[in-house]
Amino acid sequence: MRQTRRKKWPTSYPARRALAGTALACALLSPLPAGTAQAAPRAVGPVGTWQATVVREGATYDVTLSFATDRSVCLVSPAGASKGRWHHTGKDAFAYDIREMWYDPNGTLEGWVDIAQSARRTGDTFTGSGTSTVHAPDGTVEARVPVQVSGTRTGPPDGSACA
């Protein structure tokens, strides 16, 4: 059996670059010396609690929206507290979907609305628009309503109303 000689990896091989990158990452992840200033963490997307105004079919009302880092969203409106999900759609843009259930004072389901909004954040404000689809208790669609929303960030996420 003929023995072949192993070639050395060329110096341009990515493994060499990976080792350099690993060393750099380790240096960057090492704790900072005491007394070293750090920048304040930047808010990511819509994460936080927002006081918002909703406008639909001539009606205006105030709500609270809380967007969490786990991509959940909590809406507190005149109808109560409702949960949903949000996701990034681009730079400073996001969308969210919430199902808001409606019950009468006896706890009987009166229907629900599926809220779908696309929004754009500028600093600590956002504006959005979308459609709310209103359902009867049996699930039939009663209406599709255009909705606009604008909000101002008031603090960190607080989804306790939806817990």
N, C-alpha and C. Protein backbone atom coordinates (compact mmCIF):
# COMPACT_ATOMS: atom_id res chain seq x y z
N MET A 1 0.84 -1.16 0.00
CA MET A 1 0.00 0.00 0.00
C MET A 1 0.89 1.23 0.00
N ARG A 2 0.54 2.10 -0.89
CA ARG A 2 1.33 3.31 -1.02
C ARG A 2 0.83 4.36 -0.04
N GLN A 3 1.72 4.95 0.65
CA GLN A 3 1.35 5.96 1.64
C GLN A 3 1.37 7.33 0.97
N THR A 4 0.26 8.06 1.15
CA THR A 4 0.22 9.41 0.57
C THR A 4 0.59 10.42 1.63
N ARG A 5 1.21 11.42 1.18
CA ARG A 5 1.63 12.47 2.10
C ARG A 5 0.50 13.47 2.27
N ARG A 6 0.17 13.79 3.50
CA ARG A 6 -0.89 14.78 3.74
C ARG A 6 -0.38 16.16 3.41
N LYS A 7 -1.20 16.89 2.74
CA LYS A 7 -0.86 18.27 2.44
C LYS A 7 -1.21 19.14 3.62
N LYS A 8 -0.45 20.16 3.83
CA LYS A 8 -0.79 21.13 4.85
C LYS A 8 -1.92 22.01 4.31
N TRP A 9 -2.74 22.47 5.22
CA TRP A 9 -3.79 23.39 4.80
C TRP A 9 -3.15 24.71 4.40
N PRO A 10 -3.62 25.31 3.32
CA PRO A 10 -3.06 26.60 2.93
C PRO A 10 -3.36 27.65 4.00
N THR A 11 -2.52 28.66 4.08
CA THR A 11 -2.70 29.69 5.11
C THR A 11 -3.98 30.48 4.90
N SER A 12 -4.53 30.46 3.70
CA SER A 12 -5.77 31.19 3.45
C SER A 12 -7.00 30.40 3.85
N TYR A 13 -6.83 29.16 4.30
CA TYR A 13 -7.96 28.30 4.65
C TYR A 13 -8.80 28.94 5.76
N PRO A 14 -10.13 28.85 5.64
CA PRO A 14 -11.01 29.49 6.62
C PRO A 14 -10.77 29.11 8.08
N ALA A 15 -10.20 27.94 8.36
CA ALA A 15 -9.98 27.54 9.75
C ALA A 15 -9.05 28.52 10.44
N ARG A 16 -8.06 29.01 9.71
CA ARG A 16 -7.13 29.96 10.29
C ARG A 16 -7.87 31.26 10.63
N ARG A 17 -8.75 31.67 9.72
CA ARG A 17 -9.55 32.88 9.98
C ARG A 17 -10.51 32.63 11.15
N ALA A 18 -11.04 31.43 11.22
CA ALA A 18 -11.97 31.10 12.30
C ALA A 18 -11.27 31.17 13.65
N LEU A 19 -10.01 30.70 13.72
CA LEU A 19 -9.26 30.79 14.97
C LEU A 19 -9.05 32.24 15.37
N ALA A 20 -8.74 33.08 14.41
CA ALA A 20 -8.56 34.50 14.71
C ALA A 20 -9.88 35.11 15.18
N GLY A 21 -10.96 34.71 14.51
CA GLY A 21 -12.29 35.21 14.91
C GLY A 21 -12.67 34.75 16.29
N THR A 22 -12.33 33.50 16.64
CA THR A 22 -12.63 32.97 17.97
C THR A 22 -11.86 33.75 19.04
N ALA A 23 -10.59 34.04 18.76
CA ALA A 23 -9.79 34.81 19.71
C ALA A 23 -10.39 36.19 19.91
N LEU A 24 -10.83 36.82 18.83
CA LEU A 24 -11.43 38.14 18.92
C LEU A 24 -12.74 38.07 19.72
N ALA A 25 -13.57 37.06 19.45
CA ALA A 25 -14.83 36.91 20.17
C ALA A 25 -14.59 36.72 21.66
N CYS A 26 -13.58 35.92 22.01
CA CYS A 26 -13.26 35.70 23.43
C CYS A 26 -12.85 37.01 24.09
N ALA A 27 -12.06 37.80 23.37
CA ALA A 27 -11.63 39.08 23.94
C ALA A 27 -12.81 40.01 24.13
N LEU A 28 -13.73 40.00 23.17
CA LEU A 28 -14.89 40.89 23.27
C LEU A 28 -15.87 40.45 24.35
N LEU A 29 -15.95 39.14 24.60
CA LEU A 29 -16.89 38.63 25.58
C LEU A 29 -16.33 38.62 27.00
N SER A 30 -15.07 38.90 27.15
CA SER A 30 -14.46 38.93 28.48
C SER A 30 -15.04 40.09 29.26
N PRO A 31 -15.16 39.93 30.58
CA PRO A 31 -15.71 41.02 31.39
C PRO A 31 -14.86 42.28 31.24
N LEU A 32 -15.55 43.43 31.27
CA LEU A 32 -14.85 44.70 31.20
C LEU A 32 -14.19 45.00 32.54
N PRO A 33 -13.04 45.65 32.51
CA PRO A 33 -12.41 46.03 33.77
C PRO A 33 -13.34 46.94 34.57
N ALA A 34 -13.23 46.87 35.88
CA ALA A 34 -14.06 47.70 36.76
C ALA A 34 -13.88 49.16 36.40
N GLY A 35 -14.99 49.90 36.41
CA GLY A 35 -14.93 51.33 36.13
C GLY A 35 -15.05 51.65 34.65
N THR A 36 -15.16 50.64 33.79
CA THR A 36 -15.29 50.89 32.36
C THR A 36 -16.74 51.24 32.05
N ALA A 37 -16.94 52.34 31.35
CA ALA A 37 -18.30 52.78 31.00
C ALA A 37 -18.87 51.89 29.91
N GLN A 38 -20.18 51.63 29.99
CA GLN A 38 -20.88 50.86 28.97
C GLN A 38 -22.05 51.69 28.47
N ALA A 39 -22.35 51.54 27.18
CA ALA A 39 -23.50 52.23 26.61
C ALA A 39 -24.78 51.59 27.15
N ALA A 40 -25.82 52.39 27.30
CA ALA A 40 -27.11 51.87 27.75
C ALA A 40 -27.65 50.94 26.67
N PRO A 41 -28.33 49.85 27.07
CA PRO A 41 -28.87 48.94 26.07
C PRO A 41 -29.93 49.66 25.22
N ARG A 42 -29.90 49.39 23.94
CA ARG A 42 -30.84 50.02 23.01
C ARG A 42 -32.11 49.18 22.93
N ALA A 43 -33.24 49.82 22.91
CA ALA A 43 -34.50 49.10 22.79
C ALA A 43 -34.55 48.40 21.44
N VAL A 44 -35.05 47.17 21.42
CA VAL A 44 -35.11 46.39 20.20
C VAL A 44 -36.54 46.42 19.67
N GLY A 45 -36.71 46.86 18.44
CA GLY A 45 -38.04 46.87 17.83
C GLY A 45 -39.04 47.57 18.73
N PRO A 46 -40.22 47.00 18.86
CA PRO A 46 -41.24 47.65 19.68
C PRO A 46 -41.20 47.25 21.15
N VAL A 47 -40.17 46.52 21.58
CA VAL A 47 -40.14 46.00 22.95
C VAL A 47 -40.34 47.14 23.95
N GLY A 48 -41.35 46.99 24.80
CA GLY A 48 -41.68 47.99 25.80
C GLY A 48 -43.19 48.10 25.94
N THR A 49 -43.60 49.01 26.81
CA THR A 49 -45.02 49.30 27.00
C THR A 49 -45.33 50.62 26.31
N TRP A 50 -46.46 50.65 25.64
CA TRP A 50 -46.86 51.81 24.83
C TRP A 50 -48.27 52.24 25.19
N GLN A 51 -48.48 53.53 25.35
CA GLN A 51 -49.83 54.09 25.43
C GLN A 51 -50.21 54.43 24.00
N ALA A 52 -51.34 53.93 23.54
CA ALA A 52 -51.70 54.08 22.14
C ALA A 52 -53.13 54.56 21.98
N THR A 53 -53.37 55.20 20.85
CA THR A 53 -54.71 55.64 20.46
C THR A 53 -55.12 54.87 19.23
N VAL A 54 -56.31 54.27 19.29
CA VAL A 54 -56.85 53.49 18.19
C VAL A 54 -58.00 54.28 17.57
N VAL A 55 -57.99 54.34 16.24
CA VAL A 55 -59.06 55.04 15.51
C VAL A 55 -59.67 54.04 14.52
N ARG A 56 -61.00 53.85 14.62
CA ARG A 56 -61.71 52.98 13.70
C ARG A 56 -63.13 53.49 13.51
N GLU A 57 -63.57 53.54 12.29
CA GLU A 57 -64.94 53.94 11.95
C GLU A 57 -65.43 55.13 12.76
N GLY A 58 -64.61 56.16 12.88
CA GLY A 58 -65.02 57.35 13.59
C GLY A 58 -64.91 57.27 15.10
N ALA A 59 -64.60 56.12 15.66
CA ALA A 59 -64.45 55.96 17.10
C ALA A 59 -62.96 56.02 17.46
N THR A 60 -62.66 56.64 18.59
CA THR A 60 -61.29 56.73 19.08
C THR A 60 -61.26 56.26 20.52
N TYR A 61 -60.28 55.42 20.86
CA TYR A 61 -60.14 55.00 22.25
C TYR A 61 -58.68 54.72 22.55
N ASP A 62 -58.36 54.76 23.84
CA ASP A 62 -56.99 54.55 24.30
C ASP A 62 -56.80 53.11 24.75
N VAL A 63 -55.61 52.58 24.46
CA VAL A 63 -55.24 51.23 24.86
C VAL A 63 -53.80 51.24 25.36
N THR A 64 -53.40 50.15 25.97
CA THR A 64 -52.00 49.92 26.34
C THR A 64 -51.55 48.67 25.62
N LEU A 65 -50.40 48.75 24.96
CA LEU A 65 -49.79 47.60 24.29
C LEU A 65 -48.44 47.35 24.96
N SER A 66 -48.15 46.09 25.23
CA SER A 66 -46.85 45.73 25.80
C SER A 66 -46.24 44.64 24.94
N PHE A 67 -45.11 44.98 24.29
CA PHE A 67 -44.39 44.05 23.42
C PHE A 67 -43.19 43.48 24.19
N ALA A 68 -43.12 42.16 24.30
CA ALA A 68 -42.04 41.51 25.05
C ALA A 68 -40.97 40.96 24.11
N THR A 69 -39.81 40.67 24.67
CA THR A 69 -38.71 40.14 23.87
C THR A 69 -39.00 38.74 23.32
N ASP A 70 -39.93 38.00 23.94
CA ASP A 70 -40.28 36.67 23.44
C ASP A 70 -41.29 36.73 22.29
N ARG A 71 -41.53 37.93 21.78
CA ARG A 71 -42.41 38.21 20.64
C ARG A 71 -43.90 38.12 21.00
N SER A 72 -44.22 38.11 22.28
CA SER A 72 -45.62 38.17 22.67
C SER A 72 -46.02 39.64 22.80
N VAL A 73 -47.31 39.89 22.67
CA VAL A 73 -47.84 41.24 22.85
C VAL A 73 -49.10 41.12 23.71
N CYS A 74 -49.27 42.08 24.61
CA CYS A 74 -50.43 42.13 25.48
C CYS A 74 -51.17 43.44 25.20
N LEU A 75 -52.44 43.34 24.92
CA LEU A 75 -53.29 44.51 24.67
C LEU A 75 -54.25 44.66 25.84
N VAL A 76 -54.30 45.86 26.41
CA VAL A 76 -55.30 46.17 27.42
C VAL A 76 -56.17 47.27 26.82
N SER A 77 -57.45 46.93 26.59
CA SER A 77 -58.40 47.83 25.94
C SER A 77 -59.67 47.91 26.78
N PRO A 78 -60.64 48.71 26.36
CA PRO A 78 -61.91 48.73 27.09
C PRO A 78 -62.58 47.34 27.19
N ALA A 79 -62.24 46.42 26.27
CA ALA A 79 -62.83 45.08 26.30
C ALA A 79 -62.10 44.14 27.26
N GLY A 80 -60.94 44.56 27.78
CA GLY A 80 -60.17 43.70 28.68
C GLY A 80 -58.76 43.49 28.17
N ALA A 81 -58.12 42.40 28.62
CA ALA A 81 -56.74 42.09 28.24
C ALA A 81 -56.74 40.93 27.24
N SER A 82 -55.91 41.08 26.20
CA SER A 82 -55.82 40.06 25.14
C SER A 82 -54.37 39.85 24.74
N LYS A 83 -54.06 38.62 24.33
CA LYS A 83 -52.70 38.26 23.94
C LYS A 83 -52.57 38.13 22.44
N GLY A 84 -51.32 38.26 21.98
CA GLY A 84 -51.02 38.04 20.57
C GLY A 84 -49.53 37.86 20.37
N ARG A 85 -49.09 37.98 19.12
CA ARG A 85 -47.69 37.80 18.75
C ARG A 85 -47.27 38.96 17.84
N TRP A 86 -45.99 39.30 17.89
CA TRP A 86 -45.45 40.32 17.00
C TRP A 86 -44.19 39.78 16.33
N HIS A 87 -43.79 40.41 15.21
CA HIS A 87 -42.56 40.04 14.52
C HIS A 87 -42.04 41.23 13.73
N HIS A 88 -40.72 41.21 13.49
CA HIS A 88 -40.08 42.26 12.68
C HIS A 88 -40.49 42.08 11.23
N THR A 89 -40.69 43.19 10.52
CA THR A 89 -40.97 43.13 9.09
C THR A 89 -39.96 43.95 8.29
N GLY A 90 -39.02 44.58 8.97
CA GLY A 90 -37.99 45.38 8.31
C GLY A 90 -37.36 46.31 9.32
N LYS A 91 -36.48 47.17 8.83
CA LYS A 91 -35.81 48.11 9.73
C LYS A 91 -36.86 49.03 10.36
N ASP A 92 -36.94 49.02 11.66
CA ASP A 92 -37.90 49.83 12.42
C ASP A 92 -39.36 49.54 12.06
N ALA A 93 -39.61 48.38 11.48
CA ALA A 93 -40.98 48.01 11.11
C ALA A 93 -41.33 46.67 11.78
N PHE A 94 -42.59 46.54 12.14
CA PHE A 94 -43.05 45.31 12.79
C PHE A 94 -44.53 45.13 12.51
N ALA A 95 -45.02 43.95 12.79
CA ALA A 95 -46.44 43.65 12.65
C ALA A 95 -46.86 42.85 13.87
N TYR A 96 -48.15 42.92 14.18
CA TYR A 96 -48.66 42.13 15.30
C TYR A 96 -50.07 41.67 15.02
N ASP A 97 -50.41 40.54 15.62
CA ASP A 97 -51.74 39.93 15.51
C ASP A 97 -52.22 39.62 16.91
N ILE A 98 -53.45 40.01 17.20
CA ILE A 98 -54.04 39.80 18.53
C ILE A 98 -55.47 39.32 18.34
N ARG A 99 -55.88 38.37 19.14
CA ARG A 99 -57.29 37.96 19.17
C ARG A 99 -57.89 38.51 20.46
N GLU A 100 -58.87 39.39 20.31
CA GLU A 100 -59.54 40.02 21.44
C GLU A 100 -60.94 39.40 21.57
N MET A 101 -61.14 38.66 22.65
CA MET A 101 -62.41 37.98 22.90
C MET A 101 -63.37 38.94 23.61
N TRP A 102 -64.65 38.86 23.26
CA TRP A 102 -65.67 39.71 23.89
C TRP A 102 -66.67 38.84 24.63
N TYR A 103 -66.87 39.14 25.91
CA TYR A 103 -67.82 38.40 26.75
C TYR A 103 -68.82 39.37 27.36
N ASP A 104 -70.05 38.88 27.58
CA ASP A 104 -71.03 39.71 28.28
C ASP A 104 -70.75 39.62 29.79
N PRO A 105 -71.48 40.40 30.63
CA PRO A 105 -71.22 40.37 32.08
C PRO A 105 -71.38 38.99 32.72
N ASN A 106 -72.12 38.08 32.08
CA ASN A 106 -72.30 36.73 32.63
C ASN A 106 -71.23 35.77 32.16
N GLY A 107 -70.30 36.24 31.33
CA GLY A 107 -69.23 35.38 30.84
C GLY A 107 -69.55 34.64 29.55
N THR A 108 -70.67 34.97 28.92
CA THR A 108 -71.04 34.33 27.66
C THR A 108 -70.31 35.01 26.51
N LEU A 109 -69.75 34.22 25.62
CA LEU A 109 -69.02 34.75 24.47
C LEU A 109 -69.96 35.53 23.56
N GLU A 110 -69.60 36.78 23.30
CA GLU A 110 -70.38 37.62 22.38
C GLU A 110 -69.75 37.67 20.99
N GLY A 111 -68.49 37.28 20.90
CA GLY A 111 -67.77 37.31 19.63
C GLY A 111 -66.31 37.64 19.89
N TRP A 112 -65.60 37.91 18.83
CA TRP A 112 -64.20 38.30 18.97
C TRP A 112 -63.75 39.09 17.75
N VAL A 113 -62.60 39.70 17.90
CA VAL A 113 -62.00 40.43 16.78
C VAL A 113 -60.56 39.95 16.62
N ASP A 114 -60.18 39.69 15.38
CA ASP A 114 -58.79 39.38 15.04
C ASP A 114 -58.16 40.67 14.54
N ILE A 115 -57.19 41.15 15.29
CA ILE A 115 -56.51 42.41 15.00
C ILE A 115 -55.22 42.10 14.25
N ALA A 116 -55.02 42.72 13.10
CA ALA A 116 -53.79 42.55 12.31
C ALA A 116 -53.28 43.94 11.95
N GLN A 117 -52.11 44.31 12.49
CA GLN A 117 -51.55 45.64 12.28
C GLN A 117 -50.13 45.55 11.75
N SER A 118 -49.78 46.47 10.87
CA SER A 118 -48.40 46.69 10.43
C SER A 118 -48.02 48.07 10.93
N ALA A 119 -46.82 48.20 11.49
CA ALA A 119 -46.44 49.47 12.12
C ALA A 119 -44.99 49.82 11.81
N ARG A 120 -44.70 51.10 11.99
CA ARG A 120 -43.33 51.60 11.84
C ARG A 120 -43.01 52.42 13.07
N ARG A 121 -41.83 52.11 13.67
CA ARG A 121 -41.38 52.80 14.87
C ARG A 121 -40.38 53.88 14.48
N THR A 122 -40.52 55.04 15.12
CA THR A 122 -39.54 56.12 15.01
C THR A 122 -39.21 56.54 16.43
N GLY A 123 -38.05 56.10 16.91
CA GLY A 123 -37.69 56.41 18.30
C GLY A 123 -38.68 55.79 19.25
N ASP A 124 -39.29 56.63 20.08
CA ASP A 124 -40.26 56.14 21.07
C ASP A 124 -41.70 56.37 20.66
N THR A 125 -41.95 56.42 19.35
CA THR A 125 -43.33 56.49 18.86
C THR A 125 -43.49 55.48 17.72
N PHE A 126 -44.74 55.10 17.48
CA PHE A 126 -45.01 54.27 16.31
C PHE A 126 -46.37 54.62 15.75
N THR A 127 -46.55 54.34 14.48
CA THR A 127 -47.84 54.46 13.83
C THR A 127 -48.08 53.17 13.06
N GLY A 128 -49.33 52.80 12.98
CA GLY A 128 -49.66 51.56 12.28
C GLY A 128 -51.04 51.61 11.68
N SER A 129 -51.29 50.65 10.83
CA SER A 129 -52.61 50.51 10.24
C SER A 129 -52.83 49.05 9.93
N GLY A 130 -54.09 48.70 9.79
CA GLY A 130 -54.41 47.32 9.50
C GLY A 130 -55.90 47.10 9.46
N THR A 131 -56.27 45.85 9.60
CA THR A 131 -57.68 45.47 9.53
C THR A 131 -58.03 44.65 10.76
N SER A 132 -59.18 44.95 11.32
CA SER A 132 -59.74 44.15 12.40
C SER A 132 -60.92 43.38 11.82
N THR A 133 -60.89 42.06 11.99
CA THR A 133 -61.96 41.21 11.48
C THR A 133 -62.84 40.80 12.65
N VAL A 134 -64.10 41.22 12.60
CA VAL A 134 -65.05 40.99 13.69
C VAL A 134 -65.81 39.69 13.42
N HIS A 135 -65.86 38.82 14.45
CA HIS A 135 -66.52 37.52 14.34
C HIS A 135 -67.70 37.44 15.30
N ALA A 136 -68.77 36.78 14.87
CA ALA A 136 -69.91 36.47 15.73
C ALA A 136 -69.52 35.29 16.62
N PRO A 137 -70.29 35.00 17.66
CA PRO A 137 -69.96 33.88 18.55
C PRO A 137 -69.80 32.54 17.81
N ASP A 138 -70.50 32.36 16.69
CA ASP A 138 -70.38 31.10 15.94
C ASP A 138 -69.20 31.10 14.96
N GLY A 139 -68.44 32.21 14.93
CA GLY A 139 -67.25 32.28 14.08
C GLY A 139 -67.45 32.94 12.73
N THR A 140 -68.69 33.23 12.37
CA THR A 140 -68.91 33.88 11.08
C THR A 140 -68.36 35.31 11.12
N VAL A 141 -67.84 35.76 9.98
CA VAL A 141 -67.28 37.10 9.90
C VAL A 141 -68.42 38.10 9.74
N GLU A 142 -68.47 39.08 10.65
CA GLU A 142 -69.50 40.11 10.60
C GLU A 142 -69.02 41.37 9.89
N ALA A 143 -67.71 41.66 10.02
CA ALA A 143 -67.18 42.88 9.40
C ALA A 143 -65.67 42.83 9.34
N ARG A 144 -65.13 43.58 8.39
CA ARG A 144 -63.69 43.86 8.32
C ARG A 144 -63.55 45.36 8.38
N VAL A 145 -62.84 45.84 9.39
CA VAL A 145 -62.81 47.27 9.69
C VAL A 145 -61.37 47.79 9.58
N PRO A 146 -61.14 48.85 8.79
CA PRO A 146 -59.79 49.46 8.78
C PRO A 146 -59.54 50.19 10.09
N VAL A 147 -58.31 50.03 10.61
CA VAL A 147 -57.96 50.61 11.91
C VAL A 147 -56.59 51.26 11.81
N GLN A 148 -56.45 52.43 12.45
CA GLN A 148 -55.15 53.10 12.59
C GLN A 148 -54.82 53.17 14.07
N VAL A 149 -53.52 53.11 14.36
CA VAL A 149 -53.07 53.19 15.74
C VAL A 149 -51.79 54.01 15.80
N SER A 150 -51.64 54.77 16.87
CA SER A 150 -50.38 55.50 17.11
C SER A 150 -50.08 55.38 18.60
N GLY A 151 -48.79 55.24 18.91
CA GLY A 151 -48.44 55.03 20.30
C GLY A 151 -47.13 55.68 20.68
N THR A 152 -46.95 55.83 22.00
CA THR A 152 -45.73 56.38 22.58
C THR A 152 -45.24 55.42 23.65
N ARG A 153 -43.94 55.07 23.58
CA ARG A 153 -43.36 54.15 24.56
C ARG A 153 -43.34 54.83 25.93
N THR A 154 -43.81 54.09 26.95
CA THR A 154 -43.87 54.64 28.31
C THR A 154 -42.99 53.90 29.30
N GLY A 155 -42.43 52.75 28.89
CA GLY A 155 -41.58 52.03 29.83
C GLY A 155 -41.25 50.63 29.33
N PRO A 156 -40.69 49.81 30.19
CA PRO A 156 -40.32 48.45 29.82
C PRO A 156 -41.57 47.58 29.64
N PRO A 157 -41.42 46.40 29.03
CA PRO A 157 -42.57 45.52 28.84
C PRO A 157 -43.23 45.14 30.16
N ASP A 158 -44.55 45.08 30.14
CA ASP A 158 -45.30 44.63 31.30
C ASP A 158 -46.56 43.93 30.80
N GLY A 159 -46.46 42.63 30.60
CA GLY A 159 -47.59 41.86 30.13
C GLY A 159 -48.39 41.20 31.23
N SER A 160 -48.26 41.70 32.47
CA SER A 160 -48.90 41.07 33.62
C SER A 160 -50.42 41.01 33.47
N ALA A 161 -51.02 41.93 32.74
CA ALA A 161 -52.48 41.92 32.57
C ALA A 161 -52.92 40.70 31.74
N CYS A 162 -52.00 40.15 30.95
CA CYS A 162 -52.33 39.01 30.11
C CYS A 162 -51.86 37.68 30.68
N ALA A 163 -51.27 37.72 31.88
CA ALA A 163 -50.71 36.49 32.46
C ALA A 163 -51.79 35.50 32.84
